Amino acid sequence: MSWQIRQAVLSDFKWLVRVDSLAENDHGRRRQIARAISKSECWVACDADDLAAPVGYGCLDKSFFGEWFVPLVVVSNAHRRCGIGRKIVAHLEHCSSAKKIFTSTNMSNTPMRELLSQLGYQSSGVVENLDPGDPELIFMKILEE
């Protein structure tokens, strides 16, 4: 299958809530997605044959101490392990036009930690107490030397 990444538009919102199992029951997450779309900080992954039905998304902003940051990368359960997450992260890196980029994930999120390692991200710190018993791990990648 061929995947295409494009800027999210307001009509994608309902699809992204379906893709993101957390957003189905979390009003805060839905607000975060809507805000990212409205600020042009969200990109969606779609099958090249059906650009109207996103199967994943990623967000990019400068919320991390003024540095480029990837706060969310989500791929539907049915489409995981197909390279979509990798494609989304690579696209966000390109969009940032930065020398370095940051992201984070919970310690329990082994698939995301493995993806970041494969993409050359390095550990850059730990934040305790955001999610009890599940530290947030910070990662950074040098994009330009």
Protein backbone atom coordinates (compact mmCIF):
# COMPACT_ATOMS: atom_id res chain seq x y z
CA MET A 1 0.00 0.00 0.00
CA SER A 2 1.15 3.53 -0.71
CA TRP A 3 0.76 6.12 2.04
CA GLN A 4 0.53 9.85 1.57
CA ILE A 5 0.96 12.56 4.21
CA ARG A 6 -1.03 15.77 3.89
CA GLN A 7 -1.98 18.74 6.05
CA ALA A 8 -5.02 18.00 8.20
CA VAL A 9 -8.24 19.92 7.52
CA LEU A 10 -11.26 20.42 9.76
CA SER A 11 -13.21 17.65 8.03
CA ASP A 12 -10.50 15.19 9.20
CA PHE A 13 -11.37 15.74 12.86
CA LYS A 14 -14.02 12.97 13.07
CA TRP A 15 -11.59 10.50 11.45
CA LEU A 16 -8.78 11.40 13.83
CA VAL A 17 -11.01 10.83 16.85
CA ARG A 18 -11.81 7.37 15.44
CA VAL A 19 -8.12 6.64 14.80
CA ASP A 20 -7.08 7.77 18.29
CA SER A 21 -8.61 5.45 20.88
CA LEU A 22 -7.76 7.91 23.67
CA ALA A 23 -9.64 10.74 21.93
CA GLU A 24 -12.88 8.76 21.87
CA ASN A 25 -13.33 9.29 25.62
CA ASP A 26 -11.03 12.21 26.40
CA HIS A 27 -12.39 15.72 25.76
CA GLY A 28 -8.94 17.21 26.38
CA ARG A 29 -7.39 15.07 23.66
CA ARG A 30 -10.17 16.05 21.24
CA ARG A 31 -9.51 19.73 22.01
CA GLN A 32 -5.79 19.15 21.44
CA ILE A 33 -6.48 17.60 18.03
CA ALA A 34 -8.91 20.36 17.03
CA ARG A 35 -6.44 23.05 18.11
CA ALA A 36 -3.60 21.42 16.16
CA ILE A 37 -5.75 21.24 13.02
CA SER A 38 -6.88 24.87 13.36
CA LYS A 39 -3.27 26.05 13.83
CA SER A 40 -2.02 24.00 10.83
CA GLU A 41 0.10 21.88 13.19
CA CYS A 42 -1.39 18.50 12.25
CA TRP A 43 -0.67 16.18 9.34
CA VAL A 44 -2.56 13.02 8.42
CA ALA A 45 -1.51 9.77 6.77
CA CYS A 46 -3.89 8.33 4.21
CA ASP A 47 -3.91 5.52 1.71
CA ALA A 48 -2.95 7.19 -1.58
CA ASP A 49 -6.16 5.74 -3.05
CA ASP A 50 -8.39 7.27 -0.34
CA LEU A 51 -7.09 10.66 0.79
CA ALA A 52 -10.33 11.43 2.62
CA ALA A 53 -9.90 8.70 5.27
CA PRO A 54 -6.87 9.22 7.54
CA VAL A 55 -5.38 6.15 9.23
CA GLY A 56 -2.89 8.10 11.37
CA TYR A 57 -1.73 11.56 12.26
CA GLY A 58 1.07 13.54 13.79
CA CYS A 59 1.42 17.01 15.25
CA LEU A 60 4.36 19.42 15.24
CA ASP A 61 4.73 22.64 17.20
CA LYS A 62 7.26 24.74 19.11
CA SER A 63 5.81 24.07 22.56
CA PHE A 64 8.93 22.53 24.08
CA PHE A 65 11.01 25.44 25.40
CA GLY A 66 10.66 27.13 22.00
CA GLU A 67 12.09 24.07 20.22
CA TRP A 68 10.38 21.97 17.55
CA PHE A 69 8.40 19.21 19.25
CA VAL A 70 6.30 16.27 18.10
CA PRO A 71 3.59 15.99 20.78
CA LEU A 72 1.51 13.31 19.07
CA VAL A 73 1.96 10.49 16.60
CA VAL A 74 -1.02 8.16 16.39
CA VAL A 75 -1.71 5.29 14.00
CA SER A 76 -4.94 3.29 14.02
CA ASN A 77 -4.65 -0.15 15.60
CA ALA A 78 -5.48 -1.79 12.27
CA HIS A 79 -2.63 0.00 10.48
CA ARG A 80 0.24 -0.35 12.94
CA ARG A 81 3.53 -1.97 11.92
CA CYS A 82 3.05 -0.87 8.29
CA GLY A 83 5.58 1.99 8.29
CA ILE A 84 2.99 4.74 8.72
CA GLY A 85 4.42 6.02 12.03
CA ARG A 86 7.89 6.17 10.48
CA LYS A 87 6.52 8.09 7.48
CA ILE A 88 4.66 10.56 9.71
CA VAL A 89 7.72 11.26 11.90
CA ALA A 90 9.97 11.70 8.84
CA HIS A 91 7.47 14.14 7.35
CA LEU A 92 7.28 16.15 10.58
CA GLU A 93 11.08 16.28 10.74
CA HIS A 94 11.12 17.68 7.20
CA CYS A 95 8.37 20.22 7.99
CA SER A 96 10.26 21.52 11.01
CA SER A 97 13.20 22.87 8.99
CA ALA A 98 15.10 22.63 12.28
CA LYS A 99 18.56 21.57 13.31
CA LYS A 100 17.11 19.45 16.10
CA ILE A 101 13.72 18.16 17.08
CA PHE A 102 12.26 16.75 20.30
CA THR A 103 9.49 14.34 21.17
CA SER A 104 8.40 12.28 24.16
CA THR A 105 6.57 9.10 25.03
CA ASN A 106 5.67 7.14 28.11
CA MET A 107 8.12 4.51 29.26
CA SER A 108 5.37 1.91 28.73
CA ASN A 109 5.06 2.77 25.01
CA THR A 110 7.58 0.25 23.73
CA PRO A 111 6.56 0.49 20.04
CA MET A 112 7.15 4.27 19.99
CA ARG A 113 10.45 3.93 21.85
CA GLU A 114 11.60 1.34 19.31
CA LEU A 115 10.53 3.56 16.40
CA LEU A 116 12.42 6.54 17.80
CA SER A 117 15.53 4.44 18.30
CA GLN A 118 15.33 3.16 14.71
CA LEU A 119 14.99 6.76 13.47
CA GLY A 120 18.09 7.92 15.33
CA TYR A 121 16.52 9.71 18.30
CA GLN A 122 18.54 9.76 21.48
CA SER A 123 17.45 9.97 25.09
CA SER A 124 17.32 13.51 26.41
CA GLY A 125 15.70 13.22 29.83
CA VAL A 126 12.87 11.92 31.97
CA VAL A 127 9.88 13.65 33.52
CA GLU A 128 8.34 11.90 36.49
CA ASN A 129 4.80 12.21 37.85
CA LEU A 130 2.86 13.13 34.69
CA ASP A 131 1.32 9.65 34.56
CA PRO A 132 1.69 7.82 37.89
CA GLY A 133 4.15 4.95 37.59
CA ASP A 134 4.85 5.63 33.88
CA PRO A 135 7.59 8.26 33.40
CA GLU A 136 7.63 10.44 30.28
CA LEU A 137 10.83 9.91 28.31
CA ILE A 138 12.16 12.85 26.28
CA PHE A 139 13.97 12.20 22.99
CA MET A 140 15.94 14.43 20.62
CA LYS A 141 17.33 14.06 17.13
CA ILE A 142 19.93 16.20 15.40
CA LEU A 143 18.59 16.87 11.91
CA GLU A 144 21.40 19.05 10.58
CA GLU A 145 25.04 19.20 11.49
